[in-house]
Amino acid sequence: MCKLYKYKVIRERLDGSRGKRARTYFSFENNLTVGGLYVHLGSGFPGLQRVLSMTVEELPD
């Protein structure tokens, strides 16, 4: 079984204010922590991103 990690992230500015809409970031590795602040997660996720929540899905092989 393969696991898919779904992170709910929101854009954050240097002054601490946040964007209006949260987006979903998908990964096959559990490499982000909830509450963490990350820079340049990839295409479509510019700037600072704050992780709000995480869910795990089991994918069939």
PDB file of N, CA and C in Angstrom:
ATOM      1  N   MET A   1       0.832  -1.188   0.000  1.00  0.00           N
ATOM      2  CA  MET A   1       0.000   0.000   0.000  1.00  0.00           C
ATOM      3  C   MET A   1       0.873   1.247   0.000  1.00  0.00           C
ATOM      4  N   CYS A   2       0.452   2.220  -0.754  1.00  0.00           N
ATOM      5  CA  CYS A   2       1.144   3.498  -0.852  1.00  0.00           C
ATOM      6  C   CYS A   2       0.321   4.548  -0.097  1.00  0.00           C
ATOM      7  N   LYS A   3       0.984   5.441   0.593  1.00  0.00           N
ATOM      8  CA  LYS A   3       0.287   6.483   1.350  1.00  0.00           C
ATOM      9  C   LYS A   3       0.420   7.823   0.635  1.00  0.00           C
ATOM     10  N   LEU A   4      -0.680   8.564   0.610  1.00  0.00           N
ATOM     11  CA  LEU A   4      -0.715   9.907   0.055  1.00  0.00           C
ATOM     12  C   LEU A   4      -1.028  10.868   1.198  1.00  0.00           C
ATOM     13  N   TYR A   5      -0.140  11.811   1.430  1.00  0.00           N
ATOM     14  CA  TYR A   5      -0.318  12.793   2.492  1.00  0.00           C
ATOM     15  C   TYR A   5      -0.905  14.063   1.893  1.00  0.00           C
ATOM     16  N   LYS A   6      -2.018  14.518   2.465  1.00  0.00           N
ATOM     17  CA  LYS A   6      -2.703  15.726   2.000  1.00  0.00           C
ATOM     18  C   LYS A   6      -2.579  16.785   3.087  1.00  0.00           C
ATOM     19  N   TYR A   7      -1.899  17.890   2.742  1.00  0.00           N
ATOM     20  CA  TYR A   7      -1.687  18.986   3.680  1.00  0.00           C
ATOM     21  C   TYR A   7      -2.549  20.168   3.283  1.00  0.00           C
ATOM     22  N   LYS A   8      -3.227  20.763   4.238  1.00  0.00           N
ATOM     23  CA  LYS A   8      -3.974  21.987   4.000  1.00  0.00           C
ATOM     24  C   LYS A   8      -3.050  23.139   4.382  1.00  0.00           C
ATOM     25  N   VAL A   9      -2.697  23.988   3.406  1.00  0.00           N
ATOM     26  CA  VAL A   9      -1.751  25.085   3.635  1.00  0.00           C
ATOM     27  C   VAL A   9      -2.400  26.419   3.278  1.00  0.00           C
ATOM     28  N   ILE A  10      -1.903  27.469   3.909  1.00  0.00           N
ATOM     29  CA  ILE A  10      -2.386  28.818   3.623  1.00  0.00           C
ATOM     30  C   ILE A  10      -1.177  29.740   3.511  1.00  0.00           C
ATOM     31  N   ARG A  11      -1.263  30.690   2.619  1.00  0.00           N
ATOM     32  CA  ARG A  11      -0.164  31.636   2.410  1.00  0.00           C
ATOM     33  C   ARG A  11      -0.081  32.596   3.584  1.00  0.00           C
ATOM     34  N   GLU A  12       1.138  32.877   4.005  1.00  0.00           N
ATOM     35  CA  GLU A  12       1.353  33.774   5.144  1.00  0.00           C
ATOM     36  C   GLU A  12       2.403  34.810   4.765  1.00  0.00           C
ATOM     37  N   ARG A  13       2.192  36.040   5.230  1.00  0.00           N
ATOM     38  CA  ARG A  13       3.144  37.104   4.956  1.00  0.00           C
ATOM     39  C   ARG A  13       4.099  37.280   6.139  1.00  0.00           C
ATOM     40  N   LEU A  14       5.149  38.060   5.934  1.00  0.00           N
ATOM     41  CA  LEU A  14       6.152  38.250   6.980  1.00  0.00           C
ATOM     42  C   LEU A  14       5.601  38.943   8.225  1.00  0.00           C
ATOM     43  N   ASP A  15       4.542  39.729   8.079  1.00  0.00           N
ATOM     44  CA  ASP A  15       3.961  40.404   9.248  1.00  0.00           C
ATOM     45  C   ASP A  15       3.009  39.499  10.028  1.00  0.00           C
ATOM     46  N   GLY A  16       2.814  38.253   9.573  1.00  0.00           N
ATOM     47  CA  GLY A  16       1.966  37.290  10.279  1.00  0.00           C
ATOM     48  C   GLY A  16       0.546  37.196   9.755  1.00  0.00           C
ATOM     49  N   SER A  17       0.149  38.088   8.849  1.00  0.00           N
ATOM     50  CA  SER A  17      -1.204  38.010   8.304  1.00  0.00           C
ATOM     51  C   SER A  17      -1.279  36.866   7.297  1.00  0.00           C
ATOM     52  N   ARG A  18      -2.454  36.299   7.171  1.00  0.00           N
ATOM     53  CA  ARG A  18      -2.655  35.128   6.307  1.00  0.00           C
ATOM     54  C   ARG A  18      -3.559  35.450   5.133  1.00  0.00           C
ATOM     55  N   GLY A  19      -3.470  34.610   4.110  1.00  0.00           N
ATOM     56  CA  GLY A  19      -4.314  34.745   2.938  1.00  0.00           C
ATOM     57  C   GLY A  19      -5.752  34.360   3.232  1.00  0.00           C
ATOM     58  N   LYS A  20      -6.609  34.475   2.227  1.00  0.00           N
ATOM     59  CA  LYS A  20      -8.027  34.202   2.419  1.00  0.00           C
ATOM     60  C   LYS A  20      -8.395  32.740   2.213  1.00  0.00           C
ATOM     61  N   ARG A  21      -7.702  32.061   1.288  1.00  0.00           N
ATOM     62  CA  ARG A  21      -8.097  30.698   0.931  1.00  0.00           C
ATOM     63  C   ARG A  21      -6.978  29.707   1.214  1.00  0.00           C
ATOM     64  N   ALA A  22      -7.360  28.588   1.805  1.00  0.00           N
ATOM     65  CA  ALA A  22      -6.407  27.498   2.024  1.00  0.00           C
ATOM     66  C   ALA A  22      -6.361  26.634   0.764  1.00  0.00           C
ATOM     67  N   ARG A  23      -5.205  26.025   0.507  1.00  0.00           N
ATOM     68  CA  ARG A  23      -5.029  25.137  -0.638  1.00  0.00           C
ATOM     69  C   ARG A  23      -4.544  23.791  -0.143  1.00  0.00           C
ATOM     70  N   THR A  24      -4.629  22.786  -0.984  1.00  0.00           N
ATOM     71  CA  THR A  24      -4.199  21.437  -0.620  1.00  0.00           C
ATOM     72  C   THR A  24      -2.894  21.112  -1.334  1.00  0.00           C
ATOM     73  N   TYR A  25      -1.927  20.644  -0.550  1.00  0.00           N
ATOM     74  CA  TYR A  25      -0.619  20.236  -1.060  1.00  0.00           C
ATOM     75  C   TYR A  25      -0.504  18.730  -0.875  1.00  0.00           C
ATOM     76  N   PHE A  26      -0.187  17.995  -1.944  1.00  0.00           N
ATOM     77  CA  PHE A  26      -0.091  16.540  -1.906  1.00  0.00           C
ATOM     78  C   PHE A  26       1.364  16.100  -1.906  1.00  0.00           C
ATOM     79  N   SER A  27       1.667  15.028  -1.158  1.00  0.00           N
ATOM     80  CA  SER A  27       3.022  14.500  -1.114  1.00  0.00           C
ATOM     81  C   SER A  27       2.961  13.007  -0.800  1.00  0.00           C
ATOM     82  N   PHE A  28       3.947  12.250  -1.303  1.00  0.00           N
ATOM     83  CA  PHE A  28       4.054  10.833  -0.976  1.00  0.00           C
ATOM     84  C   PHE A  28       4.948  10.611   0.234  1.00  0.00           C
ATOM     85  N   GLU A  29       5.531  11.684   0.765  1.00  0.00           N
ATOM     86  CA  GLU A  29       6.400  11.593   1.932  1.00  0.00           C
ATOM     87  C   GLU A  29       5.832  12.450   3.054  1.00  0.00           C
ATOM     88  N   ASN A  30       5.994  11.986   4.292  1.00  0.00           N
ATOM     89  CA  ASN A  30       5.535  12.733   5.451  1.00  0.00           C
ATOM     90  C   ASN A  30       6.666  13.643   5.909  1.00  0.00           C
ATOM     91  N   ASN A  31       6.880  14.733   5.176  1.00  0.00           N
ATOM     92  CA  ASN A  31       8.022  15.590   5.453  1.00  0.00           C
ATOM     93  C   ASN A  31       7.657  16.978   5.969  1.00  0.00           C
ATOM     94  N   LEU A  32       6.377  17.272   6.195  1.00  0.00           N
ATOM     95  CA  LEU A  32       5.947  18.555   6.743  1.00  0.00           C
ATOM     96  C   LEU A  32       5.270  18.338   8.086  1.00  0.00           C
ATOM     97  N   THR A  33       5.370  19.324   8.966  1.00  0.00           N
ATOM     98  CA  THR A  33       4.710  19.225  10.274  1.00  0.00           C
ATOM     99  C   THR A  33       3.583  20.247  10.347  1.00  0.00           C
ATOM    100  N   VAL A  34       2.511  19.876  11.043  1.00  0.00           N
ATOM    101  CA  VAL A  34       1.377  20.779  11.212  1.00  0.00           C
ATOM    102  C   VAL A  34       1.824  21.956  12.069  1.00  0.00           C
ATOM    103  N   GLY A  35       1.532  23.155  11.609  1.00  0.00           N
ATOM    104  CA  GLY A  35       1.941  24.375  12.292  1.00  0.00           C
ATOM    105  C   GLY A  35       3.244  24.932  11.769  1.00  0.00           C
ATOM    106  N   GLY A  36       3.948  24.168  10.935  1.00  0.00           N
ATOM    107  CA  GLY A  36       5.232  24.610  10.401  1.00  0.00           C
ATOM    108  C   GLY A  36       5.069  25.644   9.305  1.00  0.00           C
ATOM    109  N   LEU A  37       6.093  26.470   9.143  1.00  0.00           N
ATOM    110  CA  LEU A  37       6.113  27.496   8.111  1.00  0.00           C
ATOM    111  C   LEU A  37       7.197  27.135   7.102  1.00  0.00           C
ATOM    112  N   TYR A  38       6.819  27.043   5.819  1.00  0.00           N
ATOM    113  CA  TYR A  38       7.731  26.587   4.773  1.00  0.00           C
ATOM    114  C   TYR A  38       7.796  27.590   3.636  1.00  0.00           C
ATOM    115  N   VAL A  39       8.931  27.607   2.939  1.00  0.00           N
ATOM    116  CA  VAL A  39       9.152  28.538   1.832  1.00  0.00           C
ATOM    117  C   VAL A  39       9.266  27.746   0.537  1.00  0.00           C
ATOM    118  N   HIS A  40       8.567  28.190  -0.510  1.00  0.00           N
ATOM    119  CA  HIS A  40       8.654  27.621  -1.853  1.00  0.00           C
ATOM    120  C   HIS A  40       8.424  26.101  -1.860  1.00  0.00           C
ATOM    121  N   LEU A  41       7.192  25.686  -1.596  1.00  0.00           N
ATOM    122  CA  LEU A  41       6.859  24.260  -1.614  1.00  0.00           C
ATOM    123  C   LEU A  41       6.865  23.692  -3.021  1.00  0.00           C
ATOM    124  N   GLY A  42       6.778  24.518  -4.019  1.00  0.00           N
ATOM    125  CA  GLY A  42       6.792  24.035  -5.392  1.00  0.00           C
ATOM    126  C   GLY A  42       5.935  24.920  -6.273  1.00  0.00           C
ATOM    127  N   SER A  43       5.706  24.437  -7.471  1.00  0.00           N
ATOM    128  CA  SER A  43       4.909  25.179  -8.429  1.00  0.00           C
ATOM    129  C   SER A  43       3.493  25.384  -7.888  1.00  0.00           C
ATOM    130  N   GLY A  44       3.028  26.609  -7.892  1.00  0.00           N
ATOM    131  CA  GLY A  44       1.693  26.920  -7.398  1.00  0.00           C
ATOM    132  C   GLY A  44       1.656  27.285  -5.927  1.00  0.00           C
ATOM    133  N   PHE A  45       2.780  27.167  -5.231  1.00  0.00           N
ATOM    134  CA  PHE A  45       2.843  27.487  -3.805  1.00  0.00           C
ATOM    135  C   PHE A  45       4.012  28.439  -3.542  1.00  0.00           C
ATOM    136  N   PRO A  46       3.930  29.678  -4.039  1.00  0.00           N
ATOM    137  CA  PRO A  46       5.045  30.617  -3.864  1.00  0.00           C
ATOM    138  C   PRO A  46       5.061  31.215  -2.461  1.00  0.00           C
ATOM    139  N   GLY A  47       6.188  31.718  -2.066  1.00  0.00           N
ATOM    140  CA  GLY A  47       6.294  32.437  -0.802  1.00  0.00           C
ATOM    141  C   GLY A  47       6.208  31.533   0.406  1.00  0.00           C
ATOM    142  N   LEU A  48       5.738  32.094   1.507  1.00  0.00           N
ATOM    143  CA  LEU A  48       5.621  31.362   2.769  1.00  0.00           C
ATOM    144  C   LEU A  48       4.281  30.645   2.845  1.00  0.00           C
ATOM    145  N   GLN A  49       4.302  29.395   3.287  1.00  0.00           N
ATOM    146  CA  GLN A  49       3.091  28.596   3.433  1.00  0.00           C
ATOM    147  C   GLN A  49       3.057  28.012   4.842  1.00  0.00           C
ATOM    148  N   ARG A  50       1.919  28.179   5.543  1.00  0.00           N
ATOM    149  CA  ARG A  50       1.728  27.619   6.880  1.00  0.00           C
ATOM    150  C   ARG A  50       0.867  26.364   6.747  1.00  0.00           C
ATOM    151  N   VAL A  51       1.291  25.252   7.358  1.00  0.00           N
ATOM    152  CA  VAL A  51       0.540  23.997   7.317  1.00  0.00           C
ATOM    153  C   VAL A  51      -0.524  24.040   8.408  1.00  0.00           C
ATOM    154  N   LEU A  52      -1.794  23.892   8.005  1.00  0.00           N
ATOM    155  CA  LEU A  52      -2.906  23.946   8.947  1.00  0.00           C
ATOM    156  C   LEU A  52      -3.317  22.561   9.427  1.00  0.00           C
ATOM    157  N   SER A  53      -3.324  21.578   8.532  1.00  0.00           N
ATOM    158  CA  SER A  53      -3.745  20.229   8.911  1.00  0.00           C
ATOM    159  C   SER A  53      -3.172  19.210   7.932  1.00  0.00           C
ATOM    160  N   MET A  54      -3.254  17.923   8.311  1.00  0.00           N
ATOM    161  CA  MET A  54      -2.763  16.854   7.468  1.00  0.00           C
ATOM    162  C   MET A  54      -3.696  15.652   7.571  1.00  0.00           C
ATOM    163  N   THR A  55      -3.964  15.015   6.436  1.00  0.00           N
ATOM    164  CA  THR A  55      -4.695  13.746   6.415  1.00  0.00           C
ATOM    165  C   THR A  55      -3.903  12.749   5.571  1.00  0.00           C
ATOM    166  N   VAL A  56      -4.149  11.464   5.832  1.00  0.00           N
ATOM    167  CA  VAL A  56      -3.422  10.397   5.119  1.00  0.00           C
ATOM    168  C   VAL A  56      -4.441   9.529   4.410  1.00  0.00           C
ATOM    169  N   GLU A  57      -4.159   9.194   3.142  1.00  0.00           N
ATOM    170  CA  GLU A  57      -5.004   8.280   2.362  1.00  0.00           C
ATOM    171  C   GLU A  57      -4.170   7.091   1.940  1.00  0.00           C
ATOM    172  N   GLU A  58      -4.745   5.913   2.023  1.00  0.00           N
ATOM    173  CA  GLU A  58      -4.092   4.694   1.538  1.00  0.00           C
ATOM    174  C   GLU A  58      -4.483   4.490   0.082  1.00  0.00           C
ATOM    175  N   LEU A  59      -3.487   4.364  -0.776  1.00  0.00           N
ATOM    176  CA  LEU A  59      -3.731   4.143  -2.198  1.00  0.00           C
ATOM    177  C   LEU A  59      -3.458   2.686  -2.534  1.00  0.00           C
ATOM    178  N   PRO A  60      -4.290   2.058  -3.352  1.00  0.00           N
ATOM    179  CA  PRO A  60      -4.019   0.680  -3.761  1.00  0.00           C
ATOM    180  C   PRO A  60      -2.827   0.619  -4.718  1.00  0.00           C
ATOM    181  N   ASP A  61      -2.109  -0.477  -4.678  1.00  0.00           N
ATOM    182  CA  ASP A  61      -0.943  -0.646  -5.561  1.00  0.00           C
ATOM    183  C   ASP A  61      -1.341  -0.953  -6.985  1.00  0.00           C
TER     184      ASP A  61
END
